[in-house]
């Protein structure tokens, strides 16, 4: 087992990893096809029970699909990686307290980077409007019930599932045989691209760099999960507060 000290790293490169790229693809396909089945079943249930379709992520179909995809991704990571290697190999082990204390300053750094990236986009295009706001809310104000449901999905489930996959399962494969800076960069780029929102790619890339750096430095995904949860929860609170002020 080789220890890498670059970037203040505690990361250790496994000599014989228990999963590979086929397992990554299998976990993704498991979540994708399972999500399609969930989408069809939830649409059938809504039609059969006469439930309102609604808009945004709080609609029955969208919420079940979103939550289902993330839960299936977690199960996929377990089936194709954790079942053989154990959860600690995926970064779910403990780490030094300093790595948690680094989360707030790195979060502020990330928010500064986001503002610069989004400001640059607004400067060159004339405006910047996050398309995720419309997708999340459906263009309407959020009720307290909507906020609670979205908080569970966006601020709890999504950060855990995404960090488990991107920093837990994917990062060790990218890190194998590569310098830390290169693995961090590739991981951040993939994280940004997989969101499929071109306007947000620069900002997501910046955030992805910090999330992968935390993984590299701490040899754990818990600090990254904390960062991700902090970002998503504050973004959701800001959206909720903005709509409440308009009412």
C-alpha atoms as a PDB file:
ATOM      1  CA  UNK A   1       0.000   0.000   0.000  1.00  0.00           C
ATOM      2  CA  UNK A   2       1.429   3.339  -1.080  1.00  0.00           C
ATOM      3  CA  UNK A   3       0.949   6.513   0.971  1.00  0.00           C
ATOM      4  CA  UNK A   4       0.800   9.855  -0.847  1.00  0.00           C
ATOM      5  CA  UNK A   5       1.736  13.023   1.043  1.00  0.00           C
ATOM      6  CA  UNK A   6       0.980  15.575  -1.668  1.00  0.00           C
ATOM      7  CA  UNK A   7      -1.493  18.348  -0.775  1.00  0.00           C
ATOM      8  CA  UNK A   8      -1.259  17.357   2.896  1.00  0.00           C
ATOM      9  CA  UNK A   9      -2.863  14.074   1.940  1.00  0.00           C
ATOM     10  CA  UNK A  10      -3.819  11.210   4.213  1.00  0.00           C
ATOM     11  CA  UNK A  11      -4.991   9.288   1.166  1.00  0.00           C
ATOM     12  CA  UNK A  12      -3.605   5.792   0.663  1.00  0.00           C
ATOM     13  CA  UNK A  13      -3.647   4.126  -2.702  1.00  0.00           C
ATOM     14  CA  UNK A  14      -4.918   0.530  -2.465  1.00  0.00           C
ATOM     15  CA  UNK A  15      -2.517  -2.027  -3.903  1.00  0.00           C
ATOM     16  CA  UNK A  16      -5.372  -4.239  -5.072  1.00  0.00           C
ATOM     17  CA  UNK A  17      -8.662  -2.278  -5.355  1.00  0.00           C
ATOM     18  CA  UNK A  18     -11.781  -4.373  -5.019  1.00  0.00           C
ATOM     19  CA  UNK A  19     -13.707  -2.565  -7.777  1.00  0.00           C
ATOM     20  CA  UNK A  20     -12.994  -1.194 -11.228  1.00  0.00           C
ATOM     21  CA  UNK A  21     -14.499   0.836 -14.056  1.00  0.00           C
ATOM     22  CA  UNK A  22     -16.958  -1.902 -14.966  1.00  0.00           C
ATOM     23  CA  UNK A  23     -18.297  -1.734 -11.429  1.00  0.00           C
ATOM     24  CA  UNK A  24     -18.723   2.043 -11.748  1.00  0.00           C
ATOM     25  CA  UNK A  25     -20.682   1.540 -14.967  1.00  0.00           C
ATOM     26  CA  UNK A  26     -22.742  -1.220 -13.354  1.00  0.00           C
ATOM     27  CA  UNK A  27     -23.643   1.001 -10.378  1.00  0.00           C
ATOM     28  CA  UNK A  28     -24.725   3.794 -12.730  1.00  0.00           C
ATOM     29  CA  UNK A  29     -26.783   1.478 -14.931  1.00  0.00           C
ATOM     30  CA  UNK A  30     -28.398  -0.079 -11.865  1.00  0.00           C
ATOM     31  CA  UNK A  31     -29.492   3.373 -10.674  1.00  0.00           C
ATOM     32  CA  UNK A  32     -30.562   4.477 -14.164  1.00  0.00           C
ATOM     33  CA  UNK A  33     -32.705   1.485 -15.063  1.00  0.00           C
ATOM     34  CA  UNK A  34     -34.081   1.252 -11.550  1.00  0.00           C
ATOM     35  CA  UNK A  35     -34.987   4.928 -11.783  1.00  0.00           C
ATOM     36  CA  UNK A  36     -36.817   4.381 -15.060  1.00  0.00           C
ATOM     37  CA  UNK A  37     -38.877   1.621 -13.450  1.00  0.00           C
ATOM     38  CA  UNK A  38     -39.629   3.895 -10.479  1.00  0.00           C
ATOM     39  CA  UNK A  39     -40.636   6.697 -12.839  1.00  0.00           C
ATOM     40  CA  UNK A  40     -43.112   4.473 -14.658  1.00  0.00           C
ATOM     41  CA  UNK A  41     -44.523   3.039 -11.434  1.00  0.00           C
ATOM     42  CA  UNK A  42     -44.938   6.463  -9.820  1.00  0.00           C
ATOM     43  CA  UNK A  43     -46.604   7.854 -12.962  1.00  0.00           C
ATOM     44  CA  UNK A  44     -48.987   4.883 -12.984  1.00  0.00           C
ATOM     45  CA  UNK A  45     -49.767   5.350  -9.278  1.00  0.00           C
ATOM     46  CA  UNK A  46     -50.455   9.079  -9.725  1.00  0.00           C
ATOM     47  CA  UNK A  47     -52.784   8.393 -12.655  1.00  0.00           C
ATOM     48  CA  UNK A  48     -54.549   5.494 -10.916  1.00  0.00           C
ATOM     49  CA  UNK A  49     -55.104   7.357  -7.640  1.00  0.00           C
ATOM     50  CA  UNK A  50     -55.991  10.633  -9.294  1.00  0.00           C
ATOM     51  CA  UNK A  51     -53.248  12.530  -7.489  1.00  0.00           C
ATOM     52  CA  UNK A  52     -52.288  16.007  -8.710  1.00  0.00           C
ATOM     53  CA  UNK A  53     -49.194  15.868 -10.887  1.00  0.00           C
ATOM     54  CA  UNK A  54     -47.804  19.151  -9.549  1.00  0.00           C
ATOM     55  CA  UNK A  55     -44.653  20.904 -10.699  1.00  0.00           C
ATOM     56  CA  UNK A  56     -41.051  20.942  -9.564  1.00  0.00           C
ATOM     57  CA  UNK A  57     -39.321  18.374  -7.402  1.00  0.00           C
ATOM     58  CA  UNK A  58     -42.154  18.291  -4.869  1.00  0.00           C
ATOM     59  CA  UNK A  59     -44.546  16.745  -7.394  1.00  0.00           C
ATOM     60  CA  UNK A  60     -45.176  13.064  -6.539  1.00  0.00           C
ATOM     61  CA  UNK A  61     -43.568  11.727  -9.713  1.00  0.00           C
ATOM     62  CA  UNK A  62     -40.473  13.950  -9.574  1.00  0.00           C
ATOM     63  CA  UNK A  63     -39.896  13.428  -5.855  1.00  0.00           C
ATOM     64  CA  UNK A  64     -40.189   9.641  -6.029  1.00  0.00           C
ATOM     65  CA  UNK A  65     -37.936   9.565  -9.084  1.00  0.00           C
ATOM     66  CA  UNK A  66     -35.333  11.884  -7.533  1.00  0.00           C
ATOM     67  CA  UNK A  67     -35.246  10.129  -4.171  1.00  0.00           C
ATOM     68  CA  UNK A  68     -35.322   6.737  -5.863  1.00  0.00           C
ATOM     69  CA  UNK A  69     -32.364   7.510  -8.134  1.00  0.00           C
ATOM     70  CA  UNK A  70     -30.211   8.538  -5.184  1.00  0.00           C
ATOM     71  CA  UNK A  71     -31.195   5.541  -3.069  1.00  0.00           C
ATOM     72  CA  UNK A  72     -30.587   3.202  -5.987  1.00  0.00           C
ATOM     73  CA  UNK A  73     -27.174   4.784  -6.527  1.00  0.00           C
ATOM     74  CA  UNK A  74     -26.300   4.094  -2.884  1.00  0.00           C
ATOM     75  CA  UNK A  75     -27.452   0.490  -3.294  1.00  0.00           C
ATOM     76  CA  UNK A  76     -25.470   0.245  -6.543  1.00  0.00           C
ATOM     77  CA  UNK A  77     -22.287   1.416  -4.816  1.00  0.00           C
ATOM     78  CA  UNK A  78     -22.882  -1.184  -2.129  1.00  0.00           C
ATOM     79  CA  UNK A  79     -23.504  -4.029  -4.586  1.00  0.00           C
ATOM     80  CA  UNK A  80     -20.552  -3.295  -6.853  1.00  0.00           C
ATOM     81  CA  UNK A  81     -17.972  -1.914  -4.409  1.00  0.00           C
ATOM     82  CA  UNK A  82     -18.733  -1.810  -0.684  1.00  0.00           C
ATOM     83  CA  UNK A  83     -19.971  -5.390  -0.496  1.00  0.00           C
ATOM     84  CA  UNK A  84     -16.483  -6.591  -1.428  1.00  0.00           C
ATOM     85  CA  UNK A  85     -14.240  -3.833  -0.110  1.00  0.00           C
ATOM     86  CA  UNK A  86     -16.171  -2.530   2.892  1.00  0.00           C
ATOM     87  CA  UNK A  87     -17.496   0.978   3.479  1.00  0.00           C
ATOM     88  CA  UNK A  88     -14.191   2.274   4.841  1.00  0.00           C
ATOM     89  CA  UNK A  89     -12.515   1.689   1.484  1.00  0.00           C
ATOM     90  CA  UNK A  90     -15.085   4.094   0.035  1.00  0.00           C
ATOM     91  CA  UNK A  91     -14.117   6.815   2.490  1.00  0.00           C
ATOM     92  CA  UNK A  92     -16.720   6.263   5.189  1.00  0.00           C
ATOM     93  CA  UNK A  93     -14.089   5.895   7.888  1.00  0.00           C
ATOM     94  CA  UNK A  94     -13.140   8.525  10.440  1.00  0.00           C
ATOM     95  CA  UNK A  95     -10.663  11.342   9.950  1.00  0.00           C
ATOM     96  CA  UNK A  96      -8.860  14.023  11.964  1.00  0.00           C
ATOM     97  CA  UNK A  97     -10.932  16.889  13.375  1.00  0.00           C
ATOM     98  CA  UNK A  98      -8.904  19.440  11.400  1.00  0.00           C
ATOM     99  CA  UNK A  99     -10.484  18.156   8.194  1.00  0.00           C
ATOM    100  CA  UNK A 100     -13.926  19.095   9.493  1.00  0.00           C
ATOM    101  CA  UNK A 101     -12.674  22.502  10.645  1.00  0.00           C
ATOM    102  CA  UNK A 102     -11.467  23.101   7.092  1.00  0.00           C
ATOM    103  CA  UNK A 103     -15.002  22.796   5.732  1.00  0.00           C
ATOM    104  CA  UNK A 104     -16.235  26.328   6.656  1.00  0.00           C
ATOM    105  CA  UNK A 105     -13.253  28.249   5.185  1.00  0.00           C
ATOM    106  CA  UNK A 106     -13.220  26.066   2.079  1.00  0.00           C
ATOM    107  CA  UNK A 107     -16.968  26.582   1.761  1.00  0.00           C
ATOM    108  CA  UNK A 108     -16.484  30.359   1.842  1.00  0.00           C
ATOM    109  CA  UNK A 109     -13.721  29.992  -0.745  1.00  0.00           C
ATOM    110  CA  UNK A 110     -16.057  27.941  -2.913  1.00  0.00           C
ATOM    111  CA  UNK A 111     -18.856  30.485  -2.626  1.00  0.00           C
ATOM    112  CA  UNK A 112     -16.423  33.204  -3.652  1.00  0.00           C
ATOM    113  CA  UNK A 113     -15.434  31.139  -6.669  1.00  0.00           C
ATOM    114  CA  UNK A 114     -19.090  30.558  -7.536  1.00  0.00           C
ATOM    115  CA  UNK A 115     -19.831  34.282  -7.402  1.00  0.00           C
ATOM    116  CA  UNK A 116     -16.874  35.031  -9.661  1.00  0.00           C
ATOM    117  CA  UNK A 117     -17.814  32.296 -12.143  1.00  0.00           C
ATOM    118  CA  UNK A 118     -21.486  33.268 -12.260  1.00  0.00           C
ATOM    119  CA  UNK A 119     -20.567  36.949 -12.440  1.00  0.00           C
ATOM    120  CA  UNK A 120     -18.317  36.258 -15.420  1.00  0.00           C
ATOM    121  CA  UNK A 121     -21.148  34.379 -17.145  1.00  0.00           C
ATOM    122  CA  UNK A 122     -23.530  37.281 -16.484  1.00  0.00           C
ATOM    123  CA  UNK A 123     -20.948  39.747 -17.824  1.00  0.00           C
ATOM    124  CA  UNK A 124     -20.445  37.897 -21.097  1.00  0.00           C
ATOM    125  CA  UNK A 125     -24.052  36.774 -21.673  1.00  0.00           C
ATOM    126  CA  UNK A 126     -25.930  39.710 -20.160  1.00  0.00           C
ATOM    127  CA  UNK A 127     -27.651  37.743 -17.391  1.00  0.00           C
ATOM    128  CA  UNK A 128     -27.411  34.734 -15.116  1.00  0.00           C
ATOM    129  CA  UNK A 129     -30.378  32.763 -13.875  1.00  0.00           C
ATOM    130  CA  UNK A 130     -29.906  29.397 -12.208  1.00  0.00           C
ATOM    131  CA  UNK A 131     -32.171  26.926 -14.064  1.00  0.00           C
ATOM    132  CA  UNK A 132     -32.204  24.688 -11.000  1.00  0.00           C
ATOM    133  CA  UNK A 133     -34.493  27.136  -9.176  1.00  0.00           C
ATOM    134  CA  UNK A 134     -37.282  26.620 -11.713  1.00  0.00           C
ATOM    135  CA  UNK A 135     -36.701  22.860 -11.752  1.00  0.00           C
ATOM    136  CA  UNK A 136     -36.853  22.639  -7.960  1.00  0.00           C
ATOM    137  CA  UNK A 137     -39.827  24.907  -7.312  1.00  0.00           C
ATOM    138  CA  UNK A 138     -41.829  24.633 -10.518  1.00  0.00           C
ATOM    139  CA  UNK A 139     -41.874  28.438 -10.554  1.00  0.00           C
ATOM    140  CA  UNK A 140     -44.067  28.751  -7.466  1.00  0.00           C
ATOM    141  CA  UNK A 141     -43.642  29.461  -3.768  1.00  0.00           C
ATOM    142  CA  UNK A 142     -42.738  26.553  -1.503  1.00  0.00           C
ATOM    143  CA  UNK A 143     -44.966  25.500   1.362  1.00  0.00           C
ATOM    144  CA  UNK A 144     -43.455  24.326   4.646  1.00  0.00           C
ATOM    145  CA  UNK A 145     -44.233  20.746   3.595  1.00  0.00           C
ATOM    146  CA  UNK A 146     -42.484  21.306   0.261  1.00  0.00           C
ATOM    147  CA  UNK A 147     -39.453  22.750   2.031  1.00  0.00           C
ATOM    148  CA  UNK A 148     -39.153  19.781   4.392  1.00  0.00           C
ATOM    149  CA  UNK A 149     -39.448  17.268   1.536  1.00  0.00           C
ATOM    150  CA  UNK A 150     -36.903  19.142  -0.549  1.00  0.00           C
ATOM    151  CA  UNK A 151     -34.545  19.458   2.414  1.00  0.00           C
ATOM    152  CA  UNK A 152     -34.524  15.692   2.873  1.00  0.00           C
ATOM    153  CA  UNK A 153     -33.928  15.149  -0.847  1.00  0.00           C
ATOM    154  CA  UNK A 154     -31.540  17.988  -1.704  1.00  0.00           C
ATOM    155  CA  UNK A 155     -29.698  18.714   1.537  1.00  0.00           C
ATOM    156  CA  UNK A 156     -29.417  15.195   2.978  1.00  0.00           C
ATOM    157  CA  UNK A 157     -29.919  12.392   0.465  1.00  0.00           C
ATOM    158  CA  UNK A 158     -28.327  14.012  -2.603  1.00  0.00           C
ATOM    159  CA  UNK A 159     -25.049  15.056  -0.911  1.00  0.00           C
ATOM    160  CA  UNK A 160     -24.576  11.638   0.674  1.00  0.00           C
ATOM    161  CA  UNK A 161     -25.301   9.707  -2.535  1.00  0.00           C
ATOM    162  CA  UNK A 162     -23.248  11.996  -4.783  1.00  0.00           C
ATOM    163  CA  UNK A 163     -20.245  12.043  -2.468  1.00  0.00           C
ATOM    164  CA  UNK A 164     -20.413   8.281  -1.992  1.00  0.00           C
ATOM    165  CA  UNK A 165     -20.281   7.825  -5.759  1.00  0.00           C
ATOM    166  CA  UNK A 166     -17.999  10.649  -6.957  1.00  0.00           C
ATOM    167  CA  UNK A 167     -15.564  10.884  -4.057  1.00  0.00           C
ATOM    168  CA  UNK A 168     -16.074   7.420  -2.571  1.00  0.00           C
ATOM    169  CA  UNK A 169     -16.216   5.078  -5.554  1.00  0.00           C
ATOM    170  CA  UNK A 170     -14.910   7.137  -8.480  1.00  0.00           C
ATOM    171  CA  UNK A 171     -12.057   9.113  -6.907  1.00  0.00           C
ATOM    172  CA  UNK A 172      -9.924   6.099  -5.864  1.00  0.00           C
ATOM    173  CA  UNK A 173      -9.984   4.864  -9.463  1.00  0.00           C
ATOM    174  CA  UNK A 174      -8.946   8.266 -10.791  1.00  0.00           C
ATOM    175  CA  UNK A 175      -6.251   8.559  -8.123  1.00  0.00           C
ATOM    176  CA  UNK A 176      -4.652   5.216  -8.937  1.00  0.00           C
ATOM    177  CA  UNK A 177      -1.398   5.919 -10.762  1.00  0.00           C
ATOM    178  CA  UNK A 178      -2.124   9.665 -11.059  1.00  0.00           C
ATOM    179  CA  UNK A 179      -0.906  12.724  -9.200  1.00  0.00           C
ATOM    180  CA  UNK A 180      -3.361  14.149  -6.689  1.00  0.00           C
ATOM    181  CA  UNK A 181      -3.897  17.411  -8.615  1.00  0.00           C
ATOM    182  CA  UNK A 182      -4.774  15.522 -11.794  1.00  0.00           C
ATOM    183  CA  UNK A 183      -7.196  13.129 -10.078  1.00  0.00           C
ATOM    184  CA  UNK A 184      -8.858  16.068  -8.300  1.00  0.00           C
ATOM    185  CA  UNK A 185      -9.216  17.987 -11.572  1.00  0.00           C
ATOM    186  CA  UNK A 186     -10.695  15.057 -13.513  1.00  0.00           C
ATOM    187  CA  UNK A 187     -13.060  14.222 -10.667  1.00  0.00           C
ATOM    188  CA  UNK A 188     -14.268  17.830 -10.459  1.00  0.00           C
ATOM    189  CA  UNK A 189     -14.783  18.012 -14.218  1.00  0.00           C
ATOM    190  CA  UNK A 190     -16.827  14.803 -14.285  1.00  0.00           C
ATOM    191  CA  UNK A 191     -18.872  16.039 -11.320  1.00  0.00           C
ATOM    192  CA  UNK A 192     -19.676  19.268 -13.166  1.00  0.00           C
ATOM    193  CA  UNK A 193     -20.465  17.616 -16.507  1.00  0.00           C
ATOM    194  CA  UNK A 194     -22.745  14.922 -15.069  1.00  0.00           C
ATOM    195  CA  UNK A 195     -25.163  17.594 -13.827  1.00  0.00           C
ATOM    196  CA  UNK A 196     -25.942  18.301 -17.526  1.00  0.00           C
ATOM    197  CA  UNK A 197     -26.455  22.058 -16.989  1.00  0.00           C
ATOM    198  CA  UNK A 198     -23.933  23.941 -19.195  1.00  0.00           C
ATOM    199  CA  UNK A 199     -24.538  27.278 -17.450  1.00  0.00           C
ATOM    200  CA  UNK A 200     -23.514  25.804 -14.090  1.00  0.00           C
ATOM    201  CA  UNK A 201     -20.443  23.846 -15.223  1.00  0.00           C
ATOM    202  CA  UNK A 202     -17.851  26.504 -14.202  1.00  0.00           C
ATOM    203  CA  UNK A 203     -19.305  26.895 -10.707  1.00  0.00           C
ATOM    204  CA  UNK A 204     -19.802  23.176 -10.194  1.00  0.00           C
ATOM    205  CA  UNK A 205     -16.233  22.556 -11.337  1.00  0.00           C
ATOM    206  CA  UNK A 206     -14.933  24.922  -8.650  1.00  0.00           C
ATOM    207  CA  UNK A 207     -17.037  23.220  -5.988  1.00  0.00           C
ATOM    208  CA  UNK A 208     -15.939  19.812  -7.288  1.00  0.00           C
ATOM    209  CA  UNK A 209     -12.281  20.779  -6.880  1.00  0.00           C
ATOM    210  CA  UNK A 210     -12.826  21.560  -3.205  1.00  0.00           C
ATOM    211  CA  UNK A 211     -14.874  18.420  -2.579  1.00  0.00           C
ATOM    212  CA  UNK A 212     -12.218  16.218  -4.169  1.00  0.00           C
ATOM    213  CA  UNK A 213      -9.471  18.073  -2.287  1.00  0.00           C
ATOM    214  CA  UNK A 214     -11.220  17.293   0.998  1.00  0.00           C
ATOM    215  CA  UNK A 215     -11.372  13.636  -0.020  1.00  0.00           C
ATOM    216  CA  UNK A 216      -7.681  13.623  -0.878  1.00  0.00           C
ATOM    217  CA  UNK A 217      -6.602  15.420   2.254  1.00  0.00           C
ATOM    218  CA  UNK A 218      -8.784  13.546   4.741  1.00  0.00           C
ATOM    219  CA  UNK A 219      -8.927  10.033   3.213  1.00  0.00           C
ATOM    220  CA  UNK A 220     -12.631  10.251   4.087  1.00  0.00           C
ATOM    221  CA  UNK A 221     -15.783  11.450   2.354  1.00  0.00           C
ATOM    222  CA  UNK A 222     -17.400  12.772   5.546  1.00  0.00           C
ATOM    223  CA  UNK A 223     -15.864  16.274   5.269  1.00  0.00           C
ATOM    224  CA  UNK A 224     -16.986  16.385   1.621  1.00  0.00           C
ATOM    225  CA  UNK A 225     -20.484  15.310   2.653  1.00  0.00           C
ATOM    226  CA  UNK A 226     -20.564  18.098   5.269  1.00  0.00           C
ATOM    227  CA  UNK A 227     -19.452  20.658   2.650  1.00  0.00           C
ATOM    228  CA  UNK A 228     -22.020  19.411   0.136  1.00  0.00           C
ATOM    229  CA  UNK A 229     -24.834  19.384   2.712  1.00  0.00           C
ATOM    230  CA  UNK A 230     -23.932  22.898   3.825  1.00  0.00           C
ATOM    231  CA  UNK A 231     -24.010  24.221   0.282  1.00  0.00           C
ATOM    232  CA  UNK A 232     -27.268  22.542  -0.700  1.00  0.00           C
ATOM    233  CA  UNK A 233     -29.078  23.406   2.525  1.00  0.00           C
ATOM    234  CA  UNK A 234     -28.117  27.091   2.356  1.00  0.00           C
ATOM    235  CA  UNK A 235     -29.105  27.263  -1.317  1.00  0.00           C
ATOM    236  CA  UNK A 236     -32.483  25.708  -0.539  1.00  0.00           C
ATOM    237  CA  UNK A 237     -33.047  28.036   2.422  1.00  0.00           C
ATOM    238  CA  UNK A 238     -32.228  31.018   0.188  1.00  0.00           C
ATOM    239  CA  UNK A 239     -34.735  29.862  -2.441  1.00  0.00           C
ATOM    240  CA  UNK A 240     -37.422  29.300   0.182  1.00  0.00           C
ATOM    241  CA  UNK A 241     -36.795  32.692   1.814  1.00  0.00           C
ATOM    242  CA  UNK A 242     -36.812  34.514  -1.533  1.00  0.00           C
ATOM    243  CA  UNK A 243     -40.206  33.089  -2.483  1.00  0.00           C
ATOM    244  CA  UNK A 244     -41.602  33.782   0.988  1.00  0.00           C
ATOM    245  CA  UNK A 245     -40.661  37.459   0.686  1.00  0.00           C
ATOM    246  CA  UNK A 246     -42.537  37.658  -2.612  1.00  0.00           C
ATOM    247  CA  UNK A 247     -45.756  36.290  -1.111  1.00  0.00           C
END
